[in-house]
C-alpha atoms as a PDB file:
ATOM      1  CA  MET A   1       0.000   0.000   0.000  1.00  0.00           C
ATOM      2  CA  LYS A   2       0.959   3.634  -0.417  1.00  0.00           C
ATOM      3  CA  VAL A   3       0.926   5.136   3.079  1.00  0.00           C
ATOM      4  CA  LEU A   4       1.282   8.763   4.195  1.00  0.00           C
ATOM      5  CA  VAL A   5       2.807   9.030   7.681  1.00  0.00           C
ATOM      6  CA  ILE A   6       2.025  12.418   9.206  1.00  0.00           C
ATOM      7  CA  GLY A   7       4.604  13.089  11.906  1.00  0.00           C
ATOM      8  CA  GLY A   8       6.881  10.436  10.419  1.00  0.00           C
ATOM      9  CA  ALA A   9      10.121  12.218  11.373  1.00  0.00           C
ATOM     10  CA  GLY A  10       9.287  12.075  15.075  1.00  0.00           C
ATOM     11  CA  TYR A  11      10.257   9.587  17.759  1.00  0.00           C
ATOM     12  CA  ILE A  12       7.397   7.112  17.320  1.00  0.00           C
ATOM     13  CA  GLY A  13       6.665   8.102  13.725  1.00  0.00           C
ATOM     14  CA  SER A  14      10.118   7.186  12.429  1.00  0.00           C
ATOM     15  CA  HIS A  15       9.883   3.732  13.998  1.00  0.00           C
ATOM     16  CA  VAL A  16       6.442   3.273  12.383  1.00  0.00           C
ATOM     17  CA  VAL A  17       7.890   4.286   9.009  1.00  0.00           C
ATOM     18  CA  LYS A  18      10.629   1.667   9.326  1.00  0.00           C
ATOM     19  CA  GLU A  19       8.133  -1.062  10.247  1.00  0.00           C
ATOM     20  CA  LEU A  20       5.863  -0.137   7.320  1.00  0.00           C
ATOM     21  CA  MET A  21       8.826  -0.345   4.957  1.00  0.00           C
ATOM     22  CA  LYS A  22       9.806  -3.761   6.345  1.00  0.00           C
ATOM     23  CA  ALA A  23       6.242  -4.925   5.620  1.00  0.00           C
ATOM     24  CA  GLY A  24       6.614  -3.839   1.986  1.00  0.00           C
ATOM     25  CA  HIS A  25       4.560  -0.646   2.019  1.00  0.00           C
ATOM     26  CA  LYS A  26       5.572   2.496   0.118  1.00  0.00           C
ATOM     27  CA  VAL A  27       5.865   5.387   2.563  1.00  0.00           C
ATOM     28  CA  THR A  28       5.757   9.162   2.252  1.00  0.00           C
ATOM     29  CA  VAL A  29       6.496  11.276   5.330  1.00  0.00           C
ATOM     30  CA  PHE A  30       4.684  14.579   6.038  1.00  0.00           C
ATOM     31  CA  ASP A  31       6.226  16.526   8.932  1.00  0.00           C
ATOM     32  CA  ASN A  32       6.823  20.156   9.904  1.00  0.00           C
ATOM     33  CA  LEU A  33      10.029  19.218  11.783  1.00  0.00           C
ATOM     34  CA  SER A  34       8.932  21.162  14.871  1.00  0.00           C
ATOM     35  CA  SER A  35       9.849  18.133  16.972  1.00  0.00           C
ATOM     36  CA  GLY A  36      10.697  15.613  14.257  1.00  0.00           C
ATOM     37  CA  LEU A  37      14.275  15.331  12.985  1.00  0.00           C
ATOM     38  CA  LYS A  38      15.732  15.077   9.490  1.00  0.00           C
ATOM     39  CA  GLN A  39      18.137  12.453  10.840  1.00  0.00           C
ATOM     40  CA  ASN A  40      15.113  10.178  11.413  1.00  0.00           C
ATOM     41  CA  LEU A  41      14.174  10.164   7.726  1.00  0.00           C
ATOM     42  CA  PHE A  42      14.972   7.275   5.388  1.00  0.00           C
ATOM     43  CA  GLU A  43      16.418   7.942   1.941  1.00  0.00           C
ATOM     44  CA  GLU A  44      13.957   5.524   0.340  1.00  0.00           C
ATOM     45  CA  ASN A  45      10.940   7.641   1.287  1.00  0.00           C
ATOM     46  CA  CYS A  46       9.499  10.815  -0.173  1.00  0.00           C
ATOM     47  CA  PHE A  47       9.477  13.660   2.343  1.00  0.00           C
ATOM     48  CA  ILE A  48       7.025  16.560   2.375  1.00  0.00           C
ATOM     49  CA  GLN A  49       7.781  19.363   4.817  1.00  0.00           C
ATOM     50  CA  GLY A  50       4.384  20.751   5.752  1.00  0.00           C
ATOM     51  CA  ASP A  51       2.122  21.646   8.647  1.00  0.00           C
ATOM     52  CA  ILE A  52      -1.231  20.116   9.566  1.00  0.00           C
ATOM     53  CA  LEU A  53      -2.631  23.640  10.018  1.00  0.00           C
ATOM     54  CA  ASP A  54      -1.934  24.301   6.309  1.00  0.00           C
ATOM     55  CA  VAL A  55      -5.016  22.912   4.559  1.00  0.00           C
ATOM     56  CA  LYS A  56      -3.588  23.406   1.057  1.00  0.00           C
ATOM     57  CA  ALA A  57      -0.358  21.585   1.939  1.00  0.00           C
ATOM     58  CA  LEU A  58      -2.374  18.631   3.255  1.00  0.00           C
ATOM     59  CA  GLU A  59      -4.583  18.531   0.163  1.00  0.00           C
ATOM     60  CA  ASN A  60      -1.544  18.691  -2.115  1.00  0.00           C
ATOM     61  CA  ALA A  61      -0.031  15.770  -0.210  1.00  0.00           C
ATOM     62  CA  PHE A  62      -3.154  13.597  -0.300  1.00  0.00           C
ATOM     63  CA  GLU A  63      -3.660  14.347  -4.006  1.00  0.00           C
ATOM     64  CA  LYS A  64      -0.585  12.214  -4.667  1.00  0.00           C
ATOM     65  CA  GLY A  65      -2.852   9.237  -3.976  1.00  0.00           C
ATOM     66  CA  PHE A  66      -2.579   7.119  -0.835  1.00  0.00           C
ATOM     67  CA  ASP A  67      -4.321   3.960   0.301  1.00  0.00           C
ATOM     68  CA  ALA A  68      -3.990   4.891   3.970  1.00  0.00           C
ATOM     69  CA  PHE A  69      -2.440   7.359   6.391  1.00  0.00           C
ATOM     70  CA  VAL A  70      -1.040   7.327   9.916  1.00  0.00           C
ATOM     71  CA  HIS A  71      -1.513  10.382  12.139  1.00  0.00           C
ATOM     72  CA  LEU A  72       1.213  10.953  14.751  1.00  0.00           C
ATOM     73  CA  ALA A  73       1.345  14.764  14.676  1.00  0.00           C
ATOM     74  CA  ALA A  74      -0.418  15.701  17.917  1.00  0.00           C
ATOM     75  CA  PHE A  75       1.196  17.597  20.776  1.00  0.00           C
ATOM     76  CA  LYS A  76       1.501  15.279  23.766  1.00  0.00           C
ATOM     77  CA  ALA A  77       2.805  16.973  26.922  1.00  0.00           C
ATOM     78  CA  ALA A  78       0.058  16.534  29.502  1.00  0.00           C
ATOM     79  CA  GLY A  79       1.346  19.217  31.838  1.00  0.00           C
ATOM     80  CA  GLU A  80       1.747  21.787  29.079  1.00  0.00           C
ATOM     81  CA  SER A  81      -1.790  21.074  27.860  1.00  0.00           C
ATOM     82  CA  MET A  82      -3.162  22.289  31.190  1.00  0.00           C
ATOM     83  CA  LEU A  83      -1.263  25.566  30.840  1.00  0.00           C
ATOM     84  CA  CYS A  84      -1.779  26.108  27.103  1.00  0.00           C
ATOM     85  CA  PRO A  85      -5.127  24.529  26.137  1.00  0.00           C
ATOM     86  CA  GLU A  86      -5.427  26.866  23.139  1.00  0.00           C
ATOM     87  CA  LYS A  87      -2.193  25.417  21.671  1.00  0.00           C
ATOM     88  CA  TYR A  88      -3.556  21.872  22.029  1.00  0.00           C
ATOM     89  CA  SER A  89      -6.984  22.841  20.676  1.00  0.00           C
ATOM     90  CA  VAL A  90      -5.515  24.309  17.512  1.00  0.00           C
ATOM     91  CA  ASN A  91      -2.892  21.657  16.768  1.00  0.00           C
ATOM     92  CA  ASN A  92      -4.561  18.475  18.008  1.00  0.00           C
ATOM     93  CA  ILE A  93      -8.211  19.162  17.228  1.00  0.00           C
ATOM     94  CA  THR A  94      -8.169  21.652  14.330  1.00  0.00           C
ATOM     95  CA  GLY A  95      -5.102  19.961  12.831  1.00  0.00           C
ATOM     96  CA  THR A  96      -6.720  16.520  12.934  1.00  0.00           C
ATOM     97  CA  ILE A  97      -9.939  17.802  11.352  1.00  0.00           C
ATOM     98  CA  ASN A  98      -7.822  19.353   8.591  1.00  0.00           C
ATOM     99  CA  ILE A  99      -6.122  15.994   8.020  1.00  0.00           C
ATOM    100  CA  MET A 100      -9.383  14.035   7.880  1.00  0.00           C
ATOM    101  CA  ASN A 101     -11.035  16.585   5.589  1.00  0.00           C
ATOM    102  CA  ALA A 102      -8.114  16.482   3.150  1.00  0.00           C
ATOM    103  CA  ALA A 103      -8.012  12.675   3.288  1.00  0.00           C
ATOM    104  CA  VAL A 104     -11.688  12.065   2.543  1.00  0.00           C
ATOM    105  CA  LYS A 105     -11.703  14.801  -0.102  1.00  0.00           C
ATOM    106  CA  CYS A 106      -8.922  12.936  -1.917  1.00  0.00           C
ATOM    107  CA  GLY A 107     -10.439   9.474  -1.390  1.00  0.00           C
ATOM    108  CA  CYS A 108      -8.028   8.188   1.251  1.00  0.00           C
ATOM    109  CA  LYS A 109     -10.273   6.402   3.727  1.00  0.00           C
ATOM    110  CA  ASN A 110      -8.050   4.317   6.004  1.00  0.00           C
ATOM    111  CA  MET A 111      -6.622   6.047   9.086  1.00  0.00           C
ATOM    112  CA  VAL A 112      -4.415   4.861  11.953  1.00  0.00           C
ATOM    113  CA  PHE A 113      -4.357   7.305  14.863  1.00  0.00           C
ATOM    114  CA  SER A 114      -1.992   7.409  17.824  1.00  0.00           C
ATOM    115  CA  SER A 115      -4.373   7.878  20.714  1.00  0.00           C
ATOM    116  CA  SER A 116      -3.424   7.616  24.384  1.00  0.00           C
ATOM    117  CA  ALA A 117      -4.157   6.008  27.723  1.00  0.00           C
ATOM    118  CA  ALA A 118      -4.731   9.610  28.853  1.00  0.00           C
ATOM    119  CA  VAL A 119      -8.318   9.249  27.586  1.00  0.00           C
ATOM    120  CA  PHE A 120      -9.082   7.132  30.682  1.00  0.00           C
ATOM    121  CA  GLY A 121      -7.950   9.365  33.544  1.00  0.00           C
ATOM    122  CA  GLU A 122      -7.751   7.975  37.085  1.00  0.00           C
ATOM    123  CA  PRO A 123      -8.196   4.180  36.928  1.00  0.00           C
ATOM    124  CA  GLU A 124     -11.373   2.808  38.451  1.00  0.00           C
ATOM    125  CA  TYR A 125     -10.080  -0.758  38.070  1.00  0.00           C
ATOM    126  CA  LEU A 126      -6.920  -2.498  36.863  1.00  0.00           C
ATOM    127  CA  PRO A 127      -5.770  -3.561  34.392  1.00  0.00           C
ATOM    128  CA  ILE A 128      -7.389  -0.891  32.212  1.00  0.00           C
ATOM    129  CA  ASP A 129      -9.288  -2.356  29.268  1.00  0.00           C
ATOM    130  CA  GLU A 130     -10.974  -0.635  26.340  1.00  0.00           C
ATOM    131  CA  ASN A 131     -14.330  -0.388  28.157  1.00  0.00           C
ATOM    132  CA  HIS A 132     -12.909   1.500  31.124  1.00  0.00           C
ATOM    133  CA  PRO A 133     -14.701   4.857  31.700  1.00  0.00           C
ATOM    134  CA  LYS A 134     -13.163   7.756  29.792  1.00  0.00           C
ATOM    135  CA  LYS A 135     -12.613  10.685  32.154  1.00  0.00           C
ATOM    136  CA  PRO A 136      -9.447  12.488  31.057  1.00  0.00           C
ATOM    137  CA  GLU A 137      -7.632  14.358  33.813  1.00  0.00           C
ATOM    138  CA  ASN A 138      -5.672  16.627  31.469  1.00  0.00           C
ATOM    139  CA  TYR A 139      -6.521  18.608  28.362  1.00  0.00           C
ATOM    140  CA  TYR A 140      -4.180  16.525  26.217  1.00  0.00           C
ATOM    141  CA  GLY A 141      -6.211  13.407  27.044  1.00  0.00           C
ATOM    142  CA  PHE A 142      -9.409  15.336  26.323  1.00  0.00           C
ATOM    143  CA  THR A 143      -8.164  16.215  22.813  1.00  0.00           C
ATOM    144  CA  LYS A 144      -7.324  12.582  22.092  1.00  0.00           C
ATOM    145  CA  LEU A 145     -10.768  11.448  23.244  1.00  0.00           C
ATOM    146  CA  LYS A 146     -12.475  14.077  21.079  1.00  0.00           C
ATOM    147  CA  ILE A 147     -10.454  12.953  18.052  1.00  0.00           C
ATOM    148  CA  GLU A 148     -11.632   9.379  18.629  1.00  0.00           C
ATOM    149  CA  GLU A 149     -15.215  10.709  18.566  1.00  0.00           C
ATOM    150  CA  PHE A 150     -14.558  12.699  15.368  1.00  0.00           C
ATOM    151  CA  MET A 151     -13.209   9.568  13.686  1.00  0.00           C
ATOM    152  CA  SER A 152     -16.310   7.626  14.664  1.00  0.00           C
ATOM    153  CA  TRP A 153     -18.520  10.294  13.073  1.00  0.00           C
ATOM    154  CA  TYR A 154     -16.377  10.440   9.924  1.00  0.00           C
ATOM    155  CA  HIS A 155     -16.672   6.659   9.681  1.00  0.00           C
ATOM    156  CA  GLN A 156     -20.460   6.934   9.797  1.00  0.00           C
ATOM    157  CA  LEU A 157     -20.743   9.944   7.511  1.00  0.00           C
ATOM    158  CA  LYS A 158     -17.768   9.656   5.156  1.00  0.00           C
ATOM    159  CA  GLY A 159     -16.815   5.970   5.233  1.00  0.00           C
ATOM    160  CA  LEU A 160     -13.469   6.611   6.932  1.00  0.00           C
ATOM    161  CA  ASN A 161     -12.130   3.381   8.443  1.00  0.00           C
ATOM    162  CA  TYR A 162      -9.890   3.999  11.450  1.00  0.00           C
ATOM    163  CA  ALA A 163      -7.775   2.326  14.089  1.00  0.00           C
ATOM    164  CA  ALA A 164      -7.335   4.191  17.384  1.00  0.00           C
ATOM    165  CA  LEU A 165      -4.283   2.867  19.223  1.00  0.00           C
ATOM    166  CA  ARG A 166      -4.234   3.870  22.875  1.00  0.00           C
ATOM    167  CA  TYR A 167      -0.613   3.843  23.987  1.00  0.00           C
ATOM    168  CA  PHE A 168       0.383   3.585  27.590  1.00  0.00           C
ATOM    169  CA  ASN A 169       4.026   4.721  28.064  1.00  0.00           C
ATOM    170  CA  ALA A 170       6.046   4.638  24.849  1.00  0.00           C
ATOM    171  CA  ALA A 171       9.721   3.992  25.575  1.00  0.00           C
ATOM    172  CA  GLY A 172      12.945   2.547  24.189  1.00  0.00           C
ATOM    173  CA  TYR A 173      14.666   2.978  20.825  1.00  0.00           C
ATOM    174  CA  ASP A 174      15.026   0.836  17.738  1.00  0.00           C
ATOM    175  CA  ILE A 175      16.574  -2.525  18.576  1.00  0.00           C
ATOM    176  CA  GLU A 176      18.710  -2.308  15.389  1.00  0.00           C
ATOM    177  CA  GLY A 177      19.956   1.165  16.300  1.00  0.00           C
ATOM    178  CA  PHE A 178      18.200   3.343  13.687  1.00  0.00           C
ATOM    179  CA  PRO A 179      16.214   5.579  13.864  1.00  0.00           C
ATOM    180  CA  ASN A 180      17.834   7.029  16.965  1.00  0.00           C
ATOM    181  CA  GLY A 181      17.061  10.754  16.905  1.00  0.00           C
ATOM    182  CA  LEU A 182      16.289  11.844  20.443  1.00  0.00           C
ATOM    183  CA  GLU A 183      13.024  13.380  21.528  1.00  0.00           C
ATOM    184  CA  GLN A 184      13.206  17.147  21.933  1.00  0.00           C
ATOM    185  CA  ASN A 185      12.434  18.500  25.429  1.00  0.00           C
ATOM    186  CA  PRO A 186      11.282  15.125  26.779  1.00  0.00           C
ATOM    187  CA  ALA A 187       9.097  14.901  29.876  1.00  0.00           C
ATOM    188  CA  ASN A 188       8.838  11.106  30.162  1.00  0.00           C
ATOM    189  CA  LEU A 189      10.745   9.094  32.748  1.00  0.00           C
ATOM    190  CA  LEU A 190      13.239   7.163  30.600  1.00  0.00           C
ATOM    191  CA  PRO A 191      14.583  10.133  28.615  1.00  0.00           C
ATOM    192  CA  VAL A 192      14.815  12.174  31.825  1.00  0.00           C
ATOM    193  CA  ILE A 193      16.838   9.359  33.422  1.00  0.00           C
ATOM    194  CA  MET A 194      19.106   9.199  30.372  1.00  0.00           C
ATOM    195  CA  GLU A 195      19.613  12.961  30.166  1.00  0.00           C
ATOM    196  CA  THR A 196      20.719  12.847  33.807  1.00  0.00           C
ATOM    197  CA  ALA A 197      23.022   9.899  33.127  1.00  0.00           C
ATOM    198  CA  CYS A 198      24.591  11.829  30.217  1.00  0.00           C
ATOM    199  CA  GLY A 199      25.030  14.993  32.260  1.00  0.00           C
ATOM    200  CA  LEU A 200      22.492  16.995  30.261  1.00  0.00           C
ATOM    201  CA  ARG A 201      20.624  17.421  33.553  1.00  0.00           C
ATOM    202  CA  GLU A 202      22.406  17.774  36.876  1.00  0.00           C
ATOM    203  CA  ARG A 203      19.696  15.900  38.767  1.00  0.00           C
ATOM    204  CA  MET A 204      16.263  14.438  38.149  1.00  0.00           C
ATOM    205  CA  LYS A 205      13.127  14.457  40.268  1.00  0.00           C
ATOM    206  CA  VAL A 206      11.025  11.542  41.433  1.00  0.00           C
ATOM    207  CA  PHE A 207       7.521  12.765  42.208  1.00  0.00           C
ATOM    208  CA  GLY A 208       5.943  11.011  45.175  1.00  0.00           C
ATOM    209  CA  THR A 209       7.315   8.289  47.438  1.00  0.00           C
ATOM    210  CA  ASP A 210       4.217   7.571  49.525  1.00  0.00           C
ATOM    211  CA  TYR A 211       1.967   5.838  47.011  1.00  0.00           C
ATOM    212  CA  ASP A 212       0.316   2.542  47.909  1.00  0.00           C
ATOM    213  CA  THR A 213       2.767   0.549  45.782  1.00  0.00           C
ATOM    214  CA  ARG A 214       5.558  -1.922  46.511  1.00  0.00           C
ATOM    215  CA  ASP A 215       8.165   0.830  46.998  1.00  0.00           C
ATOM    216  CA  GLY A 216       6.040   3.969  47.336  1.00  0.00           C
ATOM    217  CA  THR A 217       6.660   5.296  43.803  1.00  0.00           C
ATOM    218  CA  CYS A 218       4.256   5.260  40.845  1.00  0.00           C
ATOM    219  CA  ILE A 219       3.808   2.129  38.748  1.00  0.00           C
ATOM    220  CA  ARG A 220       3.556   2.523  34.984  1.00  0.00           C
ATOM    221  CA  ASP A 221       3.165   0.225  31.981  1.00  0.00           C
ATOM    222  CA  TYR A 222       5.976   0.782  29.457  1.00  0.00           C
ATOM    223  CA  VAL A 223       5.726  -0.429  25.874  1.00  0.00           C
ATOM    224  CA  HIS A 224       8.751  -0.511  23.580  1.00  0.00           C
ATOM    225  CA  VAL A 225       8.558   1.699  20.502  1.00  0.00           C
ATOM    226  CA  ASN A 226       9.325  -1.279  18.231  1.00  0.00           C
ATOM    227  CA  ASP A 227       6.282  -3.020  19.675  1.00  0.00           C
ATOM    228  CA  LEU A 228       4.201   0.100  19.048  1.00  0.00           C
ATOM    229  CA  ALA A 229       5.437   0.314  15.463  1.00  0.00           C
ATOM    230  CA  ALA A 230       4.484  -3.312  14.819  1.00  0.00           C
ATOM    231  CA  ALA A 231       0.989  -2.595  16.167  1.00  0.00           C
ATOM    232  CA  HIS A 232       0.527   0.276  13.692  1.00  0.00           C
ATOM    233  CA  VAL A 233       1.292  -1.985  10.740  1.00  0.00           C
ATOM    234  CA  LYS A 234      -0.958  -4.764  12.017  1.00  0.00           C
ATOM    235  CA  ALA A 235      -3.772  -2.274  12.699  1.00  0.00           C
ATOM    236  CA  LEU A 236      -3.468  -0.702   9.263  1.00  0.00           C
ATOM    237  CA  GLU A 237      -3.628  -4.064   7.510  1.00  0.00           C
ATOM    238  CA  TYR A 238      -6.553  -5.087   9.741  1.00  0.00           C
ATOM    239  CA  ILE A 239      -8.796  -2.121   8.900  1.00  0.00           C
ATOM    240  CA  VAL A 240      -8.007  -2.380   5.190  1.00  0.00           C
ATOM    241  CA  ASN A 241      -8.483  -6.148   4.917  1.00  0.00           C
ATOM    242  CA  LYS A 242     -11.502  -6.347   7.234  1.00  0.00           C
ATOM    243  CA  ASN A 243     -13.011  -3.015   6.120  1.00  0.00           C
ATOM    244  CA  GLU A 244     -13.873  -2.173   9.710  1.00  0.00           C
ATOM    245  CA  CYS A 245     -12.706   0.062  12.556  1.00  0.00           C
ATOM    246  CA  LEU A 246     -10.635  -0.823  15.586  1.00  0.00           C
ATOM    247  CA  THR A 247      -9.892   0.686  19.009  1.00  0.00           C
ATOM    248  CA  VAL A 248      -7.345  -1.099  21.197  1.00  0.00           C
ATOM    249  CA  ASN A 249      -5.025  -0.512  24.142  1.00  0.00           C
ATOM    250  CA  LEU A 250      -1.294  -1.082  23.660  1.00  0.00           C
ATOM    251  CA  GLY A 251       0.697  -1.927  26.765  1.00  0.00           C
ATOM    252  CA  SER A 252       3.074  -4.523  28.135  1.00  0.00           C
ATOM    253  CA  GLU A 253       0.557  -5.536  30.856  1.00  0.00           C
ATOM    254  CA  LYS A 254       3.434  -5.289  33.366  1.00  0.00           C
ATOM    255  CA  GLY A 255       3.935  -2.501  35.859  1.00  0.00           C
ATOM    256  CA  VAL A 256       7.325  -1.026  36.744  1.00  0.00           C
ATOM    257  CA  THR A 257       7.905   1.451  39.588  1.00  0.00           C
ATOM    258  CA  VAL A 258       9.911   4.637  39.150  1.00  0.00           C
ATOM    259  CA  LYS A 259      12.484   3.416  41.676  1.00  0.00           C
ATOM    260  CA  GLU A 260      12.839   0.067  39.885  1.00  0.00           C
ATOM    261  CA  MET A 261      13.439   1.812  36.559  1.00  0.00           C
ATOM    262  CA  LEU A 262      15.955   4.183  38.131  1.00  0.00           C
ATOM    263  CA  GLU A 263      17.894   1.414  39.898  1.00  0.00           C
ATOM    264  CA  GLU A 264      18.060  -0.724  36.761  1.00  0.00           C
ATOM    265  CA  ALA A 265      19.219   2.328  34.769  1.00  0.00           C
ATOM    266  CA  ARG A 266      22.074   2.875  37.233  1.00  0.00           C
ATOM    267  CA  LYS A 267      23.209  -0.714  36.673  1.00  0.00           C
ATOM    268  CA  ILE A 268      23.001  -0.559  32.869  1.00  0.00           C
ATOM    269  CA  THR A 269      24.626   2.872  32.462  1.00  0.00           C
ATOM    270  CA  GLY A 270      27.129   2.578  35.287  1.00  0.00           C
ATOM    271  CA  LYS A 271      26.198   6.156  36.259  1.00  0.00           C
ATOM    272  CA  ASP A 272      25.068   7.525  39.619  1.00  0.00           C
ATOM    273  CA  ILE A 273      22.024   9.341  38.138  1.00  0.00           C
ATOM    274  CA  PRO A 274      21.392  11.789  41.022  1.00  0.00           C
ATOM    275  CA  ALA A 275      17.706  11.953  41.941  1.00  0.00           C
ATOM    276  CA  ASP A 276      15.721  14.123  44.321  1.00  0.00           C
ATOM    277  CA  PHE A 277      12.624  12.545  45.850  1.00  0.00           C
ATOM    278  CA  THR A 278       9.909  15.157  46.105  1.00  0.00           C
ATOM    279  CA  ASP A 279       6.146  15.611  46.510  1.00  0.00           C
ATOM    280  CA  ARG A 280       3.531  13.995  44.322  1.00  0.00           C
ATOM    281  CA  ARG A 281       2.386  15.774  41.171  1.00  0.00           C
ATOM    282  CA  PRO A 282      -1.330  16.539  41.024  1.00  0.00           C
ATOM    283  CA  GLY A 283      -3.246  14.096  38.840  1.00  0.00           C
ATOM    284  CA  ASP A 284      -0.635  11.313  38.909  1.00  0.00           C
ATOM    285  CA  PRO A 285      -2.412   7.991  39.580  1.00  0.00           C
ATOM    286  CA  ALA A 286      -0.537   5.472  41.743  1.00  0.00           C
ATOM    287  CA  VAL A 287      -0.813   2.657  39.195  1.00  0.00           C
ATOM    288  CA  LEU A 288      -1.505   2.551  35.456  1.00  0.00           C
ATOM    289  CA  VAL A 289      -1.371  -0.879  33.823  1.00  0.00           C
ATOM    290  CA  ALA A 290      -2.994  -1.916  30.545  1.00  0.00           C
ATOM    291  CA  SER A 291      -4.933  -4.899  29.412  1.00  0.00           C
ATOM    292  CA  ALA A 292      -3.787  -5.613  25.847  1.00  0.00           C
ATOM    293  CA  LYS A 293      -5.981  -8.687  25.493  1.00  0.00           C
ATOM    294  CA  LEU A 294      -8.097  -7.198  22.694  1.00  0.00           C
ATOM    295  CA  ALA A 295      -5.020  -6.213  20.670  1.00  0.00           C
ATOM    296  CA  TYR A 296      -3.875  -9.831  20.857  1.00  0.00           C
ATOM    297  CA  GLU A 297      -7.309 -11.186  19.913  1.00  0.00           C
ATOM    298  CA  LYS A 298      -7.799  -8.800  16.977  1.00  0.00           C
ATOM    299  CA  LEU A 299      -4.256  -8.306  15.715  1.00  0.00           C
ATOM    300  CA  GLY A 300      -2.210 -11.132  17.180  1.00  0.00           C
ATOM    301  CA  TRP A 301      -0.145  -8.364  18.825  1.00  0.00           C
ATOM    302  CA  LYS A 302       1.681  -8.548  22.099  1.00  0.00           C
ATOM    303  CA  ALA A 303       4.684  -6.704  23.467  1.00  0.00           C
ATOM    304  CA  GLU A 304       7.927  -8.549  22.632  1.00  0.00           C
ATOM    305  CA  TYR A 305      10.609  -5.995  23.492  1.00  0.00           C
ATOM    306  CA  SER A 306       9.039  -4.237  26.469  1.00  0.00           C
ATOM    307  CA  ASP A 307      11.064  -5.769  29.297  1.00  0.00           C
ATOM    308  CA  VAL A 308      12.931  -3.254  31.460  1.00  0.00           C
ATOM    309  CA  ARG A 309      16.397  -4.281  30.285  1.00  0.00           C
ATOM    310  CA  THR A 310      15.605  -3.912  26.565  1.00  0.00           C
ATOM    311  CA  LEU A 311      13.856  -0.588  27.152  1.00  0.00           C
ATOM    312  CA  LEU A 312      16.859   0.811  29.015  1.00  0.00           C
ATOM    313  CA  GLU A 313      19.632  -0.696  26.894  1.00  0.00           C
ATOM    314  CA  THR A 314      18.184   0.584  23.607  1.00  0.00           C
ATOM    315  CA  THR A 315      17.557   4.021  25.094  1.00  0.00           C
ATOM    316  CA  TRP A 316      21.061   4.255  26.575  1.00  0.00           C
ATOM    317  CA  LYS A 317      22.585   3.265  23.232  1.00  0.00           C
ATOM    318  CA  ALA A 318      20.691   6.095  21.500  1.00  0.00           C
ATOM    319  CA  TYR A 319      21.774   8.606  24.140  1.00  0.00           C
ATOM    320  CA  GLN A 320      25.414   7.532  23.867  1.00  0.00           C
ATOM    321  CA  SER A 321      25.468   8.433  20.164  1.00  0.00           C
ATOM    322  CA  GLY A 322      27.406  11.698  19.964  1.00  0.00           C
ATOM    323  CA  THR A 323      25.316  13.123  17.122  1.00  0.00           C
ATOM    324  CA  ASN A 324      22.204  12.981  19.294  1.00  0.00           C
ATOM    325  CA  LEU A 325      23.282  14.991  22.309  1.00  0.00           C
ATOM    326  CA  HIS A 326      21.588  18.373  22.235  1.00  0.00           C
END
């Protein structure tokens, strides 16, 4: 298939591009390079530098004729979304509507969307399955939930088939070593640990040590980016071959505490990784763990590379690459 990957120069997007290529699909990348990196692009692919707020640029891209598209161009910092909701409204909501309008106008009616576990909010039960109540606790999660609703309407009204993939915590880097461009201004735990190990940060913070968990720190479900990329390809082929929509959670189904991740990182890197233990952050649940049962039933997908050691070793290798340090 001919596939347009919007946000394909980014951290997750570049891994998705590689997996699509391995599956034999012809890929074009559309990215404004605001957080994506040219070093994440593959020579074999066409590249269009454009913005999802530019309707004409999107239409020109889709007019090249694609069987499907993958949308990974949303802003994703939960904390920032609470401070700058207007930024997230314009990019995530208006930008996505622009993408879908251009796609259906040009006859491209298969969409894979990177959604988020943030649509659920505070867990009412664990593990979190697809039927869990959706009560986002941050504006970022709200935008992702709204986009899922827009896709459902466009399916009914315009025949747009979609897959909504609800990630838990994306982590790790390509197990073969490329792409390896580092995320810009990361807020997630693993990159923060690695920036501290590399000396890009003097110290890191661990928020909360009094949770009702095995060591008092938060438990999260980390899924390796190679596993995520494989899920995108499987989901795309599913909606095209079955001619139906799909919404699934993607997680490792295993919880890791912040302290456990930090201690393992110290062993793998051989670095002290100074950390200050401080108060909880508002809105941080004690435990977030996914049920990925439906993804296995529908797609035959399960996390293969999402053990702690692989997550940390692949991330450390990327951070040790001299060209990446910023």
